[in-house]
Amino acid sequence: MQMKLGNLLAAAIVLTITACAGKAEKDPQYVAAEKCADLVITKSKALAEKGISGNYEFTSKLRTTSTSDGPFTSTQIRGIPYATSTFLDNGNEGSAWRQCMGQLL
């Protein structure tokens, strides 16, 4: 019985390590962009529910990053969360999102 319990424990540890290894951590800029986009959309929805006319949109901006290590180059294309809102942008598309980003970073 002890041997089976030991094997079960070892298998659980291996599965946990394997599952954690596959999770990519989000960089701080991405997390801030996501929070700001959510904030702009949430505030815009609240204003729309009050009957104020306007538009809002959640989208993403593609960003390419490259890193080099000697003869090897790695390129990654990532969509950065972005939101626009005529409720909050005051005629300057994306300004509410950019202002939020400036406060978080």
C-alpha atoms as a PDB file:
ATOM      1  CA  MET A   1       0.000   0.000   0.000  1.00  0.00           C
ATOM      2  CA  GLN A   2       2.858   2.408   0.795  1.00  0.00           C
ATOM      3  CA  MET A   3       4.403   1.789  -2.616  1.00  0.00           C
ATOM      4  CA  LYS A   4       1.138   2.650  -4.409  1.00  0.00           C
ATOM      5  CA  LEU A   5       0.726   5.799  -2.319  1.00  0.00           C
ATOM      6  CA  GLY A   6       4.321   6.829  -3.104  1.00  0.00           C
ATOM      7  CA  ASN A   7       3.793   6.248  -6.828  1.00  0.00           C
ATOM      8  CA  LEU A   8       0.551   8.192  -6.728  1.00  0.00           C
ATOM      9  CA  LEU A   9       2.250  11.087  -4.952  1.00  0.00           C
ATOM     10  CA  ALA A  10       5.143  11.075  -7.435  1.00  0.00           C
ATOM     11  CA  ALA A  11       2.712  11.066 -10.375  1.00  0.00           C
ATOM     12  CA  ALA A  12       0.773  13.985  -8.866  1.00  0.00           C
ATOM     13  CA  ILE A  13       3.980  16.009  -8.456  1.00  0.00           C
ATOM     14  CA  VAL A  14       5.047  15.329 -12.054  1.00  0.00           C
ATOM     15  CA  LEU A  15       1.609  16.334 -13.366  1.00  0.00           C
ATOM     16  CA  THR A  16       1.649  19.532 -11.322  1.00  0.00           C
ATOM     17  CA  ILE A  17       5.107  20.512 -12.548  1.00  0.00           C
ATOM     18  CA  THR A  18       4.141  19.728 -16.141  1.00  0.00           C
ATOM     19  CA  ALA A  19       0.938  21.769 -15.923  1.00  0.00           C
ATOM     20  CA  CYS A  20       2.733  24.765 -14.412  1.00  0.00           C
ATOM     21  CA  ALA A  21       5.528  24.652 -16.978  1.00  0.00           C
ATOM     22  CA  GLY A  22       3.054  25.180 -19.826  1.00  0.00           C
ATOM     23  CA  LYS A  23       1.615  28.409 -18.412  1.00  0.00           C
ATOM     24  CA  ALA A  24       3.168  31.510 -19.937  1.00  0.00           C
ATOM     25  CA  GLU A  25       3.372  34.513 -17.640  1.00  0.00           C
ATOM     26  CA  LYS A  26       1.874  37.728 -18.957  1.00  0.00           C
ATOM     27  CA  ASP A  27       4.169  40.711 -19.133  1.00  0.00           C
ATOM     28  CA  PRO A  28       3.228  43.864 -17.166  1.00  0.00           C
ATOM     29  CA  GLN A  29       2.452  45.921 -20.285  1.00  0.00           C
ATOM     30  CA  TYR A  30      -0.009  43.298 -21.534  1.00  0.00           C
ATOM     31  CA  VAL A  31      -1.706  43.090 -18.130  1.00  0.00           C
ATOM     32  CA  ALA A  32      -2.010  46.894 -17.993  1.00  0.00           C
ATOM     33  CA  ALA A  33      -3.415  47.014 -21.542  1.00  0.00           C
ATOM     34  CA  GLU A  34      -5.982  44.367 -20.660  1.00  0.00           C
ATOM     35  CA  LYS A  35      -7.038  46.227 -17.495  1.00  0.00           C
ATOM     36  CA  CYS A  36      -7.324  49.541 -19.329  1.00  0.00           C
ATOM     37  CA  ALA A  37      -9.367  48.068 -22.173  1.00  0.00           C
ATOM     38  CA  ASP A  38     -11.718  46.455 -19.653  1.00  0.00           C
ATOM     39  CA  LEU A  39     -12.016  49.746 -17.740  1.00  0.00           C
ATOM     40  CA  VAL A  40     -12.857  51.755 -20.874  1.00  0.00           C
ATOM     41  CA  ILE A  41     -15.481  49.205 -21.951  1.00  0.00           C
ATOM     42  CA  THR A  42     -17.018  48.973 -18.459  1.00  0.00           C
ATOM     43  CA  LYS A  43     -17.306  52.758 -18.083  1.00  0.00           C
ATOM     44  CA  SER A  44     -18.711  53.079 -21.620  1.00  0.00           C
ATOM     45  CA  LYS A  45     -21.349  50.405 -21.018  1.00  0.00           C
ATOM     46  CA  ALA A  46     -22.436  52.199 -17.835  1.00  0.00           C
ATOM     47  CA  LEU A  47     -22.855  55.468 -19.758  1.00  0.00           C
ATOM     48  CA  ALA A  48     -24.761  53.703 -22.557  1.00  0.00           C
ATOM     49  CA  GLU A  49     -27.117  52.171 -19.991  1.00  0.00           C
ATOM     50  CA  LYS A  50     -27.904  55.696 -18.748  1.00  0.00           C
ATOM     51  CA  GLY A  51     -29.165  56.534 -22.244  1.00  0.00           C
ATOM     52  CA  ILE A  52     -26.178  58.601 -23.321  1.00  0.00           C
ATOM     53  CA  SER A  53     -25.453  58.087 -27.024  1.00  0.00           C
ATOM     54  CA  GLY A  54     -22.037  56.959 -28.156  1.00  0.00           C
ATOM     55  CA  ASN A  55     -19.991  54.009 -29.339  1.00  0.00           C
ATOM     56  CA  TYR A  56     -17.281  51.827 -27.880  1.00  0.00           C
ATOM     57  CA  GLU A  57     -15.157  49.062 -29.317  1.00  0.00           C
ATOM     58  CA  PHE A  58     -12.812  46.433 -27.921  1.00  0.00           C
ATOM     59  CA  THR A  59     -10.083  45.418 -30.326  1.00  0.00           C
ATOM     60  CA  SER A  60      -6.382  44.667 -30.344  1.00  0.00           C
ATOM     61  CA  LYS A  61      -3.290  46.177 -31.863  1.00  0.00           C
ATOM     62  CA  LEU A  62      -0.738  43.762 -33.261  1.00  0.00           C
ATOM     63  CA  ARG A  63       2.797  44.208 -31.956  1.00  0.00           C
ATOM     64  CA  THR A  64       5.868  42.361 -33.150  1.00  0.00           C
ATOM     65  CA  THR A  65       8.829  41.734 -30.882  1.00  0.00           C
ATOM     66  CA  SER A  66      12.104  40.152 -31.894  1.00  0.00           C
ATOM     67  CA  THR A  67      14.950  38.838 -29.793  1.00  0.00           C
ATOM     68  CA  SER A  68      18.307  37.687 -31.060  1.00  0.00           C
ATOM     69  CA  ASP A  69      20.712  35.188 -29.592  1.00  0.00           C
ATOM     70  CA  GLY A  70      23.727  34.978 -31.853  1.00  0.00           C
ATOM     71  CA  PRO A  71      22.647  33.574 -35.221  1.00  0.00           C
ATOM     72  CA  PHE A  72      19.109  32.836 -33.999  1.00  0.00           C
ATOM     73  CA  THR A  73      16.216  35.321 -34.003  1.00  0.00           C
ATOM     74  CA  SER A  74      12.859  34.740 -32.376  1.00  0.00           C
ATOM     75  CA  THR A  75       9.893  36.814 -33.507  1.00  0.00           C
ATOM     76  CA  GLN A  76       6.583  36.955 -31.687  1.00  0.00           C
ATOM     77  CA  ILE A  77       3.404  38.683 -32.873  1.00  0.00           C
ATOM     78  CA  ARG A  78       0.944  39.468 -30.123  1.00  0.00           C
ATOM     79  CA  GLY A  79      -2.405  41.220 -30.009  1.00  0.00           C
ATOM     80  CA  ILE A  80      -2.449  43.929 -27.327  1.00  0.00           C
ATOM     81  CA  PRO A  81      -5.947  44.633 -25.909  1.00  0.00           C
ATOM     82  CA  TYR A  82      -7.132  48.107 -26.881  1.00  0.00           C
ATOM     83  CA  ALA A  83     -10.439  49.968 -26.537  1.00  0.00           C
ATOM     84  CA  THR A  84     -11.931  53.109 -28.003  1.00  0.00           C
ATOM     85  CA  SER A  85     -14.978  54.982 -26.754  1.00  0.00           C
ATOM     86  CA  THR A  86     -16.708  58.097 -28.025  1.00  0.00           C
ATOM     87  CA  PHE A  87     -18.040  58.428 -24.461  1.00  0.00           C
ATOM     88  CA  LEU A  88     -14.573  58.875 -22.978  1.00  0.00           C
ATOM     89  CA  ASP A  89     -12.111  59.782 -25.742  1.00  0.00           C
ATOM     90  CA  ASN A  90     -13.246  63.421 -26.208  1.00  0.00           C
ATOM     91  CA  GLY A  91     -12.724  63.321 -29.962  1.00  0.00           C
ATOM     92  CA  ASN A  92      -9.244  61.771 -29.749  1.00  0.00           C
ATOM     93  CA  GLU A  93      -9.685  58.065 -30.525  1.00  0.00           C
ATOM     94  CA  GLY A  94      -8.084  55.827 -27.901  1.00  0.00           C
ATOM     95  CA  SER A  95      -7.169  58.666 -25.531  1.00  0.00           C
ATOM     96  CA  ALA A  96      -8.987  57.165 -22.507  1.00  0.00           C
ATOM     97  CA  TRP A  97      -7.094  53.881 -22.981  1.00  0.00           C
ATOM     98  CA  ARG A  98      -3.765  55.696 -23.405  1.00  0.00           C
ATOM     99  CA  GLN A  99      -4.389  57.844 -20.323  1.00  0.00           C
ATOM    100  CA  CYS A 100      -5.123  54.716 -18.290  1.00  0.00           C
ATOM    101  CA  MET A 101      -1.933  53.073 -19.596  1.00  0.00           C
ATOM    102  CA  GLY A 102       0.050  56.139 -18.553  1.00  0.00           C
ATOM    103  CA  GLN A 103      -1.299  55.812 -15.020  1.00  0.00           C
ATOM    104  CA  LEU A 104      -0.637  52.062 -14.723  1.00  0.00           C
ATOM    105  CA  LEU A 105       2.874  51.993 -16.173  1.00  0.00           C
END
